[in-house]
Amino acid sequence: ILYDFKSQNNLPPTGQVRDLRNADGTSNLLTFLSMQNHVFWAGTQ
């Protein structure tokens, strides 16, 4: 999925790989929070 952003404020750094899950399988909270600024732009399965 290619996501747009609802707001252009406080965007994640460019080029930084942000995993959804930590190595132990738990959710990465910072990544999860950044997802709440998403708006679908394009995607496929």
PDB file of all heavy atoms in Angstrom:
ATOM      1  N   ILE A   1       0.846  -1.190   0.000  1.00  0.00           N
ATOM      2  CA  ILE A   1       0.000   0.000   0.000  1.00  0.00           C
ATOM      3  C   ILE A   1       0.885   1.245   0.000  1.00  0.00           C
ATOM      4  O   ILE A   1       1.885   1.319   0.716  1.00  0.00           O
ATOM      5  CB  ILE A   1      -0.936   0.039   1.225  1.00  0.00           C
ATOM      6  CG1 ILE A   1      -1.900  -1.156   1.193  1.00  0.00           C
ATOM      7  CG2 ILE A   1      -1.746   1.341   1.248  1.00  0.00           C
ATOM      8  CD1 ILE A   1      -2.812  -1.249   2.392  1.00  0.00           C
ATOM      9  N   LEU A   2       0.492   2.191  -0.829  1.00  0.00           N
ATOM     10  CA  LEU A   2       1.134   3.495  -0.860  1.00  0.00           C
ATOM     11  C   LEU A   2       0.191   4.453  -0.139  1.00  0.00           C
ATOM     12  O   LEU A   2      -0.941   4.675  -0.575  1.00  0.00           O
ATOM     13  CB  LEU A   2       1.335   3.919  -2.320  1.00  0.00           C
ATOM     14  CG  LEU A   2       2.427   4.939  -2.643  1.00  0.00           C
ATOM     15  CD1 LEU A   2       3.790   4.426  -2.203  1.00  0.00           C
ATOM     16  CD2 LEU A   2       2.439   5.233  -4.144  1.00  0.00           C
ATOM     17  N   TYR A   3       0.652   4.995   0.991  1.00  0.00           N
ATOM     18  CA  TYR A   3      -0.202   5.858   1.808  1.00  0.00           C
ATOM     19  C   TYR A   3       0.135   7.333   1.623  1.00  0.00           C
ATOM     20  O   TYR A   3       1.301   7.725   1.553  1.00  0.00           O
ATOM     21  CB  TYR A   3      -0.038   5.525   3.292  1.00  0.00           C
ATOM     22  CG  TYR A   3      -0.790   4.299   3.750  1.00  0.00           C
ATOM     23  CD1 TYR A   3      -0.120   3.134   4.103  1.00  0.00           C
ATOM     24  CD2 TYR A   3      -2.180   4.312   3.842  1.00  0.00           C
ATOM     25  CE1 TYR A   3      -0.806   2.008   4.542  1.00  0.00           C
ATOM     26  CE2 TYR A   3      -2.879   3.191   4.283  1.00  0.00           C
ATOM     27  CZ  TYR A   3      -2.181   2.050   4.625  1.00  0.00           C
ATOM     28  OH  TYR A   3      -2.872   0.940   5.059  1.00  0.00           O
ATOM     29  N   ASP A   4      -0.911   8.140   1.559  1.00  0.00           N
ATOM     30  CA  ASP A   4      -0.820   9.584   1.669  1.00  0.00           C
ATOM     31  C   ASP A   4      -0.932   9.918   3.156  1.00  0.00           C
ATOM     32  O   ASP A   4      -1.160   9.028   3.982  1.00  0.00           O
ATOM     33  CB  ASP A   4      -1.966  10.210   0.867  1.00  0.00           C
ATOM     34  CG  ASP A   4      -1.745  11.690   0.603  1.00  0.00           C
ATOM     35  OD1 ASP A   4      -0.765  12.251   1.119  1.00  0.00           O
ATOM     36  OD2 ASP A   4      -2.576  12.284  -0.114  1.00  0.00           O
ATOM     37  N   PHE A   5      -0.808  11.200   3.494  1.00  0.00           N
ATOM     38  CA  PHE A   5      -0.901  11.613   4.891  1.00  0.00           C
ATOM     39  C   PHE A   5      -2.039  12.615   5.088  1.00  0.00           C
ATOM     40  O   PHE A   5      -2.243  13.507   4.269  1.00  0.00           O
ATOM     41  CB  PHE A   5       0.414  12.263   5.343  1.00  0.00           C
ATOM     42  CG  PHE A   5       1.606  11.341   5.282  1.00  0.00           C
ATOM     43  CD1 PHE A   5       2.461  11.378   4.197  1.00  0.00           C
ATOM     44  CD2 PHE A   5       1.840  10.430   6.299  1.00  0.00           C
ATOM     45  CE1 PHE A   5       3.567  10.542   4.137  1.00  0.00           C
ATOM     46  CE2 PHE A   5       2.932   9.578   6.248  1.00  0.00           C
ATOM     47  CZ  PHE A   5       3.798   9.629   5.165  1.00  0.00           C
ATOM     48  N   LYS A   6      -2.788  12.440   6.178  1.00  0.00           N
ATOM     49  CA  LYS A   6      -3.845  13.395   6.509  1.00  0.00           C
ATOM     50  C   LYS A   6      -3.242  14.762   6.804  1.00  0.00           C
ATOM     51  O   LYS A   6      -3.782  15.794   6.431  1.00  0.00           O
ATOM     52  CB  LYS A   6      -4.623  12.914   7.735  1.00  0.00           C
ATOM     53  CG  LYS A   6      -5.340  11.593   7.572  1.00  0.00           C
ATOM     54  CD  LYS A   6      -5.984  11.177   8.882  1.00  0.00           C
ATOM     55  CE  LYS A   6      -6.554   9.776   8.821  1.00  0.00           C
ATOM     56  NZ  LYS A   6      -7.082   9.328  10.124  1.00  0.00           N
ATOM     57  N   SER A   7      -2.133  14.740   7.510  1.00  0.00           N
ATOM     58  CA  SER A   7      -1.448  15.975   7.886  1.00  0.00           C
ATOM     59  C   SER A   7       0.016  15.873   7.501  1.00  0.00           C
ATOM     60  O   SER A   7       0.619  14.798   7.597  1.00  0.00           O
ATOM     61  CB  SER A   7      -1.569  16.213   9.399  1.00  0.00           C
ATOM     62  OG  SER A   7      -0.694  17.245   9.821  1.00  0.00           O
ATOM     63  N   GLN A   8       0.594  16.993   7.066  1.00  0.00           N
ATOM     64  CA  GLN A   8       2.008  17.014   6.696  1.00  0.00           C
ATOM     65  C   GLN A   8       2.903  17.355   7.893  1.00  0.00           C
ATOM     66  O   GLN A   8       4.118  17.505   7.747  1.00  0.00           O
ATOM     67  CB  GLN A   8       2.236  18.023   5.566  1.00  0.00           C
ATOM     68  CG  GLN A   8       1.575  17.632   4.254  1.00  0.00           C
ATOM     69  CD  GLN A   8       2.140  16.348   3.681  1.00  0.00           C
ATOM     70  OE1 GLN A   8       3.353  16.197   3.523  1.00  0.00           O
ATOM     71  NE2 GLN A   8       1.267  15.389   3.376  1.00  0.00           N
ATOM     72  N   ASN A   9       2.311  17.434   9.070  1.00  0.00           N
ATOM     73  CA  ASN A   9       3.084  17.725  10.281  1.00  0.00           C
ATOM     74  C   ASN A   9       3.591  16.429  10.920  1.00  0.00           C
ATOM     75  O   ASN A   9       2.912  15.405  10.895  1.00  0.00           O
ATOM     76  CB  ASN A   9       2.222  18.486  11.290  1.00  0.00           C
ATOM     77  CG  ASN A   9       1.779  19.848  10.778  1.00  0.00           C
ATOM     78  OD1 ASN A   9       2.531  20.523  10.082  1.00  0.00           O
ATOM     79  ND2 ASN A   9       0.559  20.240  11.117  1.00  0.00           N
ATOM     80  N   ASN A  10       4.760  16.494  11.516  1.00  0.00           N
ATOM     81  CA  ASN A  10       5.343  15.378  12.267  1.00  0.00           C
ATOM     82  C   ASN A  10       5.411  14.091  11.447  1.00  0.00           C
ATOM     83  O   ASN A  10       5.046  13.002  11.922  1.00  0.00           O
ATOM     84  CB  ASN A  10       4.544  15.127  13.551  1.00  0.00           C
ATOM     85  CG  ASN A  10       4.520  16.334  14.462  1.00  0.00           C
ATOM     86  OD1 ASN A  10       5.554  16.984  14.660  1.00  0.00           O
ATOM     87  ND2 ASN A  10       3.351  16.656  15.001  1.00  0.00           N
ATOM     88  N   LEU A  11       5.882  14.196  10.211  1.00  0.00           N
ATOM     89  CA  LEU A  11       6.021  13.018   9.366  1.00  0.00           C
ATOM     90  C   LEU A  11       7.245  12.208   9.776  1.00  0.00           C
ATOM     91  O   LEU A  11       8.224  12.755  10.297  1.00  0.00           O
ATOM     92  CB  LEU A  11       6.157  13.438   7.898  1.00  0.00           C
ATOM     93  CG  LEU A  11       4.969  14.179   7.281  1.00  0.00           C
ATOM     94  CD1 LEU A  11       5.260  14.500   5.827  1.00  0.00           C
ATOM     95  CD2 LEU A  11       3.695  13.363   7.415  1.00  0.00           C
ATOM     96  N   PRO A  12       7.219  10.886   9.555  1.00  0.00           N
ATOM     97  CA  PRO A  12       8.388  10.061   9.869  1.00  0.00           C
ATOM     98  C   PRO A  12       9.579  10.486   9.002  1.00  0.00           C
ATOM     99  O   PRO A  12       9.396  11.033   7.906  1.00  0.00           O
ATOM    100  CB  PRO A  12       7.936   8.637   9.501  1.00  0.00           C
ATOM    101  CG  PRO A  12       6.452   8.703   9.414  1.00  0.00           C
ATOM    102  CD  PRO A  12       6.112  10.088   8.994  1.00  0.00           C
ATOM    103  N   PRO A  13      10.799  10.243   9.454  1.00  0.00           N
ATOM    104  CA  PRO A  13      11.975  10.579   8.639  1.00  0.00           C
ATOM    105  C   PRO A  13      11.948   9.823   7.315  1.00  0.00           C
ATOM    106  O   PRO A  13      11.478   8.681   7.255  1.00  0.00           O
ATOM    107  CB  PRO A  13      13.149  10.113   9.516  1.00  0.00           C
ATOM    108  CG  PRO A  13      12.594  10.020  10.895  1.00  0.00           C
ATOM    109  CD  PRO A  13      11.161   9.648  10.749  1.00  0.00           C
ATOM    110  N   THR A  14      12.436  10.429   6.253  1.00  0.00           N
ATOM    111  CA  THR A  14      12.481   9.743   4.968  1.00  0.00           C
ATOM    112  C   THR A  14      13.570   8.671   4.989  1.00  0.00           C
ATOM    113  O   THR A  14      14.628   8.836   5.594  1.00  0.00           O
ATOM    114  CB  THR A  14      12.762  10.721   3.815  1.00  0.00           C
ATOM    115  OG1 THR A  14      14.005  11.381   4.051  1.00  0.00           O
ATOM    116  CG2 THR A  14      11.655  11.738   3.691  1.00  0.00           C
ATOM    117  N   GLY A  15      13.284   7.548   4.334  1.00  0.00           N
ATOM    118  CA  GLY A  15      14.271   6.487   4.188  1.00  0.00           C
ATOM    119  C   GLY A  15      14.419   5.568   5.387  1.00  0.00           C
ATOM    120  O   GLY A  15      15.138   4.572   5.307  1.00  0.00           O
ATOM    121  N   GLN A  16      13.754   5.864   6.492  1.00  0.00           N
ATOM    122  CA  GLN A  16      13.887   5.041   7.697  1.00  0.00           C
ATOM    123  C   GLN A  16      12.915   3.862   7.645  1.00  0.00           C
ATOM    124  O   GLN A  16      11.722   4.041   7.450  1.00  0.00           O
ATOM    125  CB  GLN A  16      13.602   5.874   8.941  1.00  0.00           C
ATOM    126  CG  GLN A  16      13.753   5.108  10.247  1.00  0.00           C
ATOM    127  CD  GLN A  16      13.350   5.961  11.435  1.00  0.00           C
ATOM    128  OE1 GLN A  16      12.184   6.015  11.812  1.00  0.00           O
ATOM    129  NE2 GLN A  16      14.322   6.639  12.023  1.00  0.00           N
ATOM    130  N   VAL A  17      13.437   2.642   7.816  1.00  0.00           N
ATOM    131  CA  VAL A  17      12.598   1.448   7.827  1.00  0.00           C
ATOM    132  C   VAL A  17      11.945   1.309   9.190  1.00  0.00           C
ATOM    133  O   VAL A  17      12.635   1.226  10.211  1.00  0.00           O
ATOM    134  CB  VAL A  17      13.407   0.181   7.500  1.00  0.00           C
ATOM    135  CG1 VAL A  17      12.529  -1.068   7.592  1.00  0.00           C
ATOM    136  CG2 VAL A  17      14.016   0.290   6.103  1.00  0.00           C
ATOM    137  N   ARG A  18      10.620   1.331   9.229  1.00  0.00           N
ATOM    138  CA  ARG A  18       9.864   1.224  10.481  1.00  0.00           C
ATOM    139  C   ARG A  18       9.079  -0.082  10.475  1.00  0.00           C
ATOM    140  O   ARG A  18       8.129  -0.244   9.707  1.00  0.00           O
ATOM    141  CB  ARG A  18       8.908   2.407  10.620  1.00  0.00           C
ATOM    142  CG  ARG A  18       9.611   3.720  10.786  1.00  0.00           C
ATOM    143  CD  ARG A  18       8.986   4.903  10.065  1.00  0.00           C
ATOM    144  NE  ARG A  18       7.535   4.899  10.073  1.00  0.00           N
ATOM    145  CZ  ARG A  18       6.821   5.163   8.989  1.00  0.00           C
ATOM    146  NH1 ARG A  18       7.400   5.398   7.823  1.00  0.00           N
ATOM    147  NH2 ARG A  18       5.508   5.184   9.060  1.00  0.00           N
ATOM    148  N   ASP A  19       9.484  -1.011  11.301  1.00  0.00           N
ATOM    149  CA  ASP A  19       8.794  -2.296  11.373  1.00  0.00           C
ATOM    150  C   ASP A  19       7.502  -2.164  12.157  1.00  0.00           C
ATOM    151  O   ASP A  19       7.431  -1.434  13.154  1.00  0.00           O
ATOM    152  CB  ASP A  19       9.692  -3.341  12.038  1.00  0.00           C
ATOM    153  CG  ASP A  19      10.627  -3.998  11.057  1.00  0.00           C
ATOM    154  OD1 ASP A  19      10.247  -5.021  10.463  1.00  0.00           O
ATOM    155  OD2 ASP A  19      11.741  -3.469  10.854  1.00  0.00           O
ATOM    156  N   LEU A  20       6.483  -2.908  11.719  1.00  0.00           N
ATOM    157  CA  LEU A  20       5.205  -2.903  12.431  1.00  0.00           C
ATOM    158  C   LEU A  20       5.320  -3.672  13.741  1.00  0.00           C
ATOM    159  O   LEU A  20       4.671  -3.325  14.725  1.00  0.00           O
ATOM    160  CB  LEU A  20       4.114  -3.531  11.560  1.00  0.00           C
ATOM    161  CG  LEU A  20       2.707  -3.583  12.159  1.00  0.00           C
ATOM    162  CD1 LEU A  20       2.188  -2.188  12.459  1.00  0.00           C
ATOM    163  CD2 LEU A  20       1.752  -4.304  11.223  1.00  0.00           C
ATOM    164  N   ARG A  21       6.164  -4.702  13.752  1.00  0.00           N
ATOM    165  CA  ARG A  21       6.318  -5.538  14.952  1.00  0.00           C
ATOM    166  C   ARG A  21       7.769  -5.557  15.413  1.00  0.00           C
ATOM    167  O   ARG A  21       8.695  -5.520  14.601  1.00  0.00           O
ATOM    168  CB  ARG A  21       5.845  -6.971  14.680  1.00  0.00           C
ATOM    169  CG  ARG A  21       4.357  -7.066  14.372  1.00  0.00           C
ATOM    170  CD  ARG A  21       3.947  -8.485  14.017  1.00  0.00           C
ATOM    171  NE  ARG A  21       2.531  -8.576  13.705  1.00  0.00           N
ATOM    172  CZ  ARG A  21       2.005  -8.299  12.511  1.00  0.00           C
ATOM    173  NH1 ARG A  21       2.800  -7.938  11.516  1.00  0.00           N
ATOM    174  NH2 ARG A  21       0.709  -8.386  12.299  1.00  0.00           N
ATOM    175  N   ASN A  22       7.939  -5.632  16.705  1.00  0.00           N
ATOM    176  CA  ASN A  22       9.269  -5.800  17.277  1.00  0.00           C
ATOM    177  C   ASN A  22       9.723  -7.247  17.097  1.00  0.00           C
ATOM    178  O   ASN A  22       8.934  -8.121  16.718  1.00  0.00           O
ATOM    179  CB  ASN A  22       9.248  -5.435  18.764  1.00  0.00           C
ATOM    180  CG  ASN A  22       8.840  -3.992  18.983  1.00  0.00           C
ATOM    181  OD1 ASN A  22       9.361  -3.092  18.328  1.00  0.00           O
ATOM    182  ND2 ASN A  22       7.904  -3.763  19.896  1.00  0.00           N
ATOM    183  N   ALA A  23      10.980  -7.505  17.401  1.00  0.00           N
ATOM    184  CA  ALA A  23      11.539  -8.846  17.206  1.00  0.00           C
ATOM    185  C   ALA A  23      10.809  -9.903  18.026  1.00  0.00           C
ATOM    186  O   ALA A  23      10.739 -11.073  17.630  1.00  0.00           O
ATOM    187  CB  ALA A  23      13.032  -8.843  17.563  1.00  0.00           C
ATOM    188  N   ASP A  24      10.223  -9.514  19.156  1.00  0.00           N
ATOM    189  CA  ASP A  24       9.503 -10.473  20.003  1.00  0.00           C
ATOM    190  C   ASP A  24       8.044 -10.642  19.591  1.00  0.00           C
ATOM    191  O   ASP A  24       7.277 -11.330  20.273  1.00  0.00           O
ATOM    192  CB  ASP A  24       9.594 -10.068  21.475  1.00  0.00           C
ATOM    193  CG  ASP A  24       8.954  -8.704  21.754  1.00  0.00           C
ATOM    194  OD1 ASP A  24       8.446  -8.075  20.801  1.00  0.00           O
ATOM    195  OD2 ASP A  24       8.961  -8.276  22.922  1.00  0.00           O
ATOM    196  N   GLY A  25       7.630  -9.989  18.491  1.00  0.00           N
ATOM    197  CA  GLY A  25       6.270 -10.136  17.997  1.00  0.00           C
ATOM    198  C   GLY A  25       5.296  -9.088  18.505  1.00  0.00           C
ATOM    199  O   GLY A  25       4.157  -9.030  18.033  1.00  0.00           O
ATOM    200  N   THR A  26       5.704  -8.268  19.455  1.00  0.00           N
ATOM    201  CA  THR A  26       4.819  -7.228  19.973  1.00  0.00           C
ATOM    202  C   THR A  26       4.736  -6.063  18.986  1.00  0.00           C
ATOM    203  O   THR A  26       5.613  -5.875  18.139  1.00  0.00           O
ATOM    204  CB  THR A  26       5.314  -6.705  21.330  1.00  0.00           C
ATOM    205  OG1 THR A  26       6.648  -6.186  21.165  1.00  0.00           O
ATOM    206  CG2 THR A  26       5.326  -7.819  22.362  1.00  0.00           C
ATOM    207  N   SER A  27       3.670  -5.264  19.094  1.00  0.00           N
ATOM    208  CA  SER A  27       3.498  -4.135  18.185  1.00  0.00           C
ATOM    209  C   SER A  27       4.504  -3.036  18.493  1.00  0.00           C
ATOM    210  O   SER A  27       4.801  -2.750  19.660  1.00  0.00           O
ATOM    211  CB  SER A  27       2.076  -3.574  18.311  1.00  0.00           C
ATOM    212  OG  SER A  27       1.122  -4.519  17.898  1.00  0.00           O
ATOM    213  N   ASN A  28       5.016  -2.420  17.438  1.00  0.00           N
ATOM    214  CA  ASN A  28       5.903  -1.274  17.584  1.00  0.00           C
ATOM    215  C   ASN A  28       5.019  -0.038  17.711  1.00  0.00           C
ATOM    216  O   ASN A  28       4.405   0.401  16.741  1.00  0.00           O
ATOM    217  CB  ASN A  28       6.812  -1.170  16.353  1.00  0.00           C
ATOM    218  CG  ASN A  28       7.845  -0.066  16.479  1.00  0.00           C
ATOM    219  OD1 ASN A  28       7.579   0.989  17.043  1.00  0.00           O
ATOM    220  ND2 ASN A  28       9.030  -0.308  15.940  1.00  0.00           N
ATOM    221  N   LEU A  29       4.918   0.494  18.895  1.00  0.00           N
ATOM    222  CA  LEU A  29       3.956   1.551  19.184  1.00  0.00           C
ATOM    223  C   LEU A  29       4.178   2.788  18.321  1.00  0.00           C
ATOM    224  O   LEU A  29       3.229   3.387  17.811  1.00  0.00           O
ATOM    225  CB  LEU A  29       4.008   1.936  20.665  1.00  0.00           C
ATOM    226  CG  LEU A  29       2.997   3.017  21.114  1.00  0.00           C
ATOM    227  CD1 LEU A  29       1.569   2.569  20.833  1.00  0.00           C
ATOM    228  CD2 LEU A  29       3.184   3.326  22.593  1.00  0.00           C
ATOM    229  N   LEU A  30       5.432   3.197  18.119  1.00  0.00           N
ATOM    230  CA  LEU A  30       5.708   4.392  17.330  1.00  0.00           C
ATOM    231  C   LEU A  30       5.254   4.209  15.885  1.00  0.00           C
ATOM    232  O   LEU A  30       4.690   5.127  15.277  1.00  0.00           O
ATOM    233  CB  LEU A  30       7.202   4.737  17.383  1.00  0.00           C
ATOM    234  CG  LEU A  30       7.729   5.236  18.737  1.00  0.00           C
ATOM    235  CD1 LEU A  30       9.229   5.494  18.656  1.00  0.00           C
ATOM    236  CD2 LEU A  30       6.992   6.498  19.165  1.00  0.00           C
ATOM    237  N   THR A  31       5.480   3.014  15.332  1.00  0.00           N
ATOM    238  CA  THR A  31       5.022   2.737  13.971  1.00  0.00           C
ATOM    239  C   THR A  31       3.501   2.755  13.928  1.00  0.00           C
ATOM    240  O   THR A  31       2.896   3.319  13.011  1.00  0.00           O
ATOM    241  CB  THR A  31       5.537   1.374  13.489  1.00  0.00           C
ATOM    242  OG1 THR A  31       6.969   1.386  13.495  1.00  0.00           O
ATOM    243  CG2 THR A  31       5.057   1.073  12.084  1.00  0.00           C
ATOM    244  N   PHE A  32       2.886   2.134  14.912  1.00  0.00           N
ATOM    245  CA  PHE A  32       1.427   2.071  14.962  1.00  0.00           C
ATOM    246  C   PHE A  32       0.834   3.477  15.024  1.00  0.00           C
ATOM    247  O   PHE A  32      -0.152   3.785  14.335  1.00  0.00           O
ATOM    248  CB  PHE A  32       0.977   1.242  16.159  1.00  0.00           C
ATOM    249  CG  PHE A  32      -0.458   0.818  16.099  1.00  0.00           C
ATOM    250  CD1 PHE A  32      -0.819  -0.378  15.497  1.00  0.00           C
ATOM    251  CD2 PHE A  32      -1.456   1.617  16.626  1.00  0.00           C
ATOM    252  CE1 PHE A  32      -2.146  -0.771  15.426  1.00  0.00           C
ATOM    253  CE2 PHE A  32      -2.786   1.233  16.560  1.00  0.00           C
ATOM    254  CZ  PHE A  32      -3.129   0.030  15.953  1.00  0.00           C
ATOM    255  N   LEU A  33       1.415   4.347  15.813  1.00  0.00           N
ATOM    256  CA  LEU A  33       0.916   5.710  15.929  1.00  0.00           C
ATOM    257  C   LEU A  33       1.054   6.469  14.610  1.00  0.00           C
ATOM    258  O   LEU A  33       0.176   7.242  14.225  1.00  0.00           O
ATOM    259  CB  LEU A  33       1.648   6.454  17.048  1.00  0.00           C
ATOM    260  CG  LEU A  33       1.309   6.009  18.474  1.00  0.00           C
ATOM    261  CD1 LEU A  33       2.221   6.691  19.481  1.00  0.00           C
ATOM    262  CD2 LEU A  33      -0.150   6.302  18.799  1.00  0.00           C
ATOM    263  N   SER A  34       2.155   6.238  13.901  1.00  0.00           N
ATOM    264  CA  SER A  34       2.351   6.930  12.621  1.00  0.00           C
ATOM    265  C   SER A  34       1.317   6.493  11.593  1.00  0.00           C
ATOM    266  O   SER A  34       0.967   7.249  10.681  1.00  0.00           O
ATOM    267  CB  SER A  34       3.764   6.678  12.078  1.00  0.00           C
ATOM    268  OG  SER A  34       3.917   5.347  11.604  1.00  0.00           O
ATOM    269  N   MET A  35       0.781   5.268  11.733  1.00  0.00           N
ATOM    270  CA  MET A  35      -0.227   4.757  10.806  1.00  0.00           C
ATOM    271  C   MET A  35      -1.544   5.527  10.905  1.00  0.00           C
ATOM    272  O   MET A  35      -2.340   5.522   9.955  1.00  0.00           O
ATOM    273  CB  MET A  35      -0.487   3.277  11.075  1.00  0.00           C
ATOM    274  CG  MET A  35       0.670   2.355  10.757  1.00  0.00           C
ATOM    275  SD  MET A  35       0.376   0.675  11.391  1.00  0.00           S
ATOM    276  CE  MET A  35      -1.100   0.197  10.460  1.00  0.00           C
ATOM    277  N   GLN A  36      -1.790   6.174  12.022  1.00  0.00           N
ATOM    278  CA  GLN A  36      -3.056   6.872  12.202  1.00  0.00           C
ATOM    279  C   GLN A  36      -3.128   8.156  11.385  1.00  0.00           C
ATOM    280  O   GLN A  36      -4.185   8.798  11.298  1.00  0.00           O
ATOM    281  CB  GLN A  36      -3.291   7.154  13.686  1.00  0.00           C
ATOM    282  CG  GLN A  36      -3.067   5.961  14.601  1.00  0.00           C
ATOM    283  CD  GLN A  36      -3.615   4.658  14.049  1.00  0.00           C
ATOM    284  OE1 GLN A  36      -4.762   4.596  13.614  1.00  0.00           O
ATOM    285  NE2 GLN A  36      -2.797   3.613  14.063  1.00  0.00           N
ATOM    286  N   ASN A  37      -2.006   8.529  10.769  1.00  0.00           N
ATOM    287  CA  ASN A  37      -1.971   9.699   9.888  1.00  0.00           C
ATOM    288  C   ASN A  37      -2.129   9.292   8.427  1.00  0.00           C
ATOM    289  O   ASN A  37      -1.995  10.119   7.528  1.00  0.00           O
ATOM    290  CB  ASN A  37      -0.647  10.455  10.079  1.00  0.00           C
ATOM    291  CG  ASN A  37      -0.647  11.824   9.420  1.00  0.00           C
ATOM    292  OD1 ASN A  37      -1.694  12.447   9.251  1.00  0.00           O
ATOM    293  ND2 ASN A  37       0.529  12.289   9.022  1.00  0.00           N
ATOM    294  N   HIS A  38      -2.425   8.014   8.182  1.00  0.00           N
ATOM    295  CA  HIS A  38      -2.477   7.499   6.820  1.00  0.00           C
ATOM    296  C   HIS A  38      -3.822   7.729   6.133  1.00  0.00           C
ATOM    297  O   HIS A  38      -4.870   7.653   6.763  1.00  0.00           O
ATOM    298  CB  HIS A  38      -2.210   5.992   6.812  1.00  0.00           C
ATOM    299  CG  HIS A  38      -0.767   5.639   6.971  1.00  0.00           C
ATOM    300  ND1 HIS A  38      -0.340   4.402   7.411  1.00  0.00           N
ATOM    301  CD2 HIS A  38       0.365   6.353   6.746  1.00  0.00           C
ATOM    302  CE1 HIS A  38       0.978   4.378   7.445  1.00  0.00           C
ATOM    303  NE2 HIS A  38       1.423   5.544   7.052  1.00  0.00           N
ATOM    304  N   VAL A  39      -3.752   7.960   4.829  1.00  0.00           N
ATOM    305  CA  VAL A  39      -4.901   7.916   3.933  1.00  0.00           C
ATOM    306  C   VAL A  39      -4.497   7.062   2.737  1.00  0.00           C
ATOM    307  O   VAL A  39      -3.446   7.296   2.132  1.00  0.00           O
ATOM    308  CB  VAL A  39      -5.311   9.325   3.448  1.00  0.00           C
ATOM    309  CG1 VAL A  39      -6.454   9.227   2.430  1.00  0.00           C
ATOM    310  CG2 VAL A  39      -5.720  10.195   4.618  1.00  0.00           C
ATOM    311  N   PHE A  40      -5.297   6.070   2.423  1.00  0.00           N
ATOM    312  CA  PHE A  40      -4.988   5.178   1.301  1.00  0.00           C
ATOM    313  C   PHE A  40      -4.817   5.989   0.015  1.00  0.00           C
ATOM    314  O   PHE A  40      -5.638   6.839  -0.316  1.00  0.00           O
ATOM    315  CB  PHE A  40      -6.122   4.164   1.137  1.00  0.00           C
ATOM    316  CG  PHE A  40      -5.912   3.183   0.017  1.00  0.00           C
ATOM    317  CD1 PHE A  40      -5.386   1.924   0.276  1.00  0.00           C
ATOM    318  CD2 PHE A  40      -6.251   3.504  -1.291  1.00  0.00           C
ATOM    319  CE1 PHE A  40      -5.199   1.009  -0.760  1.00  0.00           C
ATOM    320  CE2 PHE A  40      -6.072   2.605  -2.320  1.00  0.00           C
ATOM    321  CZ  PHE A  40      -5.544   1.358  -2.064  1.00  0.00           C
ATOM    322  N   TRP A  41      -3.743   5.673  -0.742  1.00  0.00           N
ATOM    323  CA  TRP A  41      -3.529   6.338  -2.029  1.00  0.00           C
ATOM    324  C   TRP A  41      -3.495   5.328  -3.185  1.00  0.00           C
ATOM    325  O   TRP A  41      -4.042   5.566  -4.237  1.00  0.00           O
ATOM    326  CB  TRP A  41      -2.240   7.149  -2.010  1.00  0.00           C
ATOM    327  CG  TRP A  41      -2.160   8.174  -3.112  1.00  0.00           C
ATOM    328  CD1 TRP A  41      -2.714   9.416  -3.103  1.00  0.00           C
ATOM    329  CD2 TRP A  41      -1.508   8.021  -4.377  1.00  0.00           C
ATOM    330  NE1 TRP A  41      -2.445  10.064  -4.300  1.00  0.00           N
ATOM    331  CE2 TRP A  41      -1.703   9.226  -5.095  1.00  0.00           C
ATOM    332  CE3 TRP A  41      -0.773   7.007  -4.976  1.00  0.00           C
ATOM    333  CZ2 TRP A  41      -1.198   9.441  -6.376  1.00  0.00           C
ATOM    334  CZ3 TRP A  41      -0.267   7.210  -6.255  1.00  0.00           C
ATOM    335  CH2 TRP A  41      -0.486   8.409  -6.945  1.00  0.00           C
ATOM    336  N   ALA A  42      -2.843   4.191  -2.954  1.00  0.00           N
ATOM    337  CA  ALA A  42      -2.820   3.118  -3.962  1.00  0.00           C
ATOM    338  C   ALA A  42      -2.400   1.834  -3.264  1.00  0.00           C
ATOM    339  O   ALA A  42      -1.740   1.872  -2.221  1.00  0.00           O
ATOM    340  CB  ALA A  42      -1.854   3.440  -5.100  1.00  0.00           C
ATOM    341  N   GLY A  43      -2.783   0.686  -3.837  1.00  0.00           N
ATOM    342  CA  GLY A  43      -2.379  -0.565  -3.208  1.00  0.00           C
ATOM    343  C   GLY A  43      -2.903  -1.776  -3.922  1.00  0.00           C
ATOM    344  O   GLY A  43      -3.787  -1.683  -4.785  1.00  0.00           O
ATOM    345  N   THR A  44      -2.346  -2.925  -3.551  1.00  0.00           N
ATOM    346  CA  THR A  44      -2.732  -4.175  -4.182  1.00  0.00           C
ATOM    347  C   THR A  44      -2.374  -5.349  -3.285  1.00  0.00           C
ATOM    348  O   THR A  44      -1.485  -5.253  -2.435  1.00  0.00           O
ATOM    349  CB  THR A  44      -2.026  -4.349  -5.545  1.00  0.00           C
ATOM    350  OG1 THR A  44      -2.420  -5.573  -6.139  1.00  0.00           O
ATOM    351  CG2 THR A  44      -0.512  -4.343  -5.376  1.00  0.00           C
ATOM    352  N   GLN A  45      -3.076  -6.473  -3.495  1.00  0.00           N
ATOM    353  CA  GLN A  45      -2.736  -7.722  -2.827  1.00  0.00           C
ATOM    354  C   GLN A  45      -2.200  -8.736  -3.845  1.00  0.00           C
ATOM    355  O   GLN A  45      -2.186  -9.928  -3.580  1.00  0.00           O
ATOM    356  CB  GLN A  45      -3.954  -8.278  -2.105  1.00  0.00           C
ATOM    357  CG  GLN A  45      -4.350  -7.458  -0.889  1.00  0.00           C
ATOM    358  CD  GLN A  45      -5.579  -7.996  -0.181  1.00  0.00           C
ATOM    359  OE1 GLN A  45      -6.640  -8.094  -0.766  1.00  0.00           O
ATOM    360  NE2 GLN A  45      -5.426  -8.345   1.079  1.00  0.00           N
TER     361      GLN A  45
END
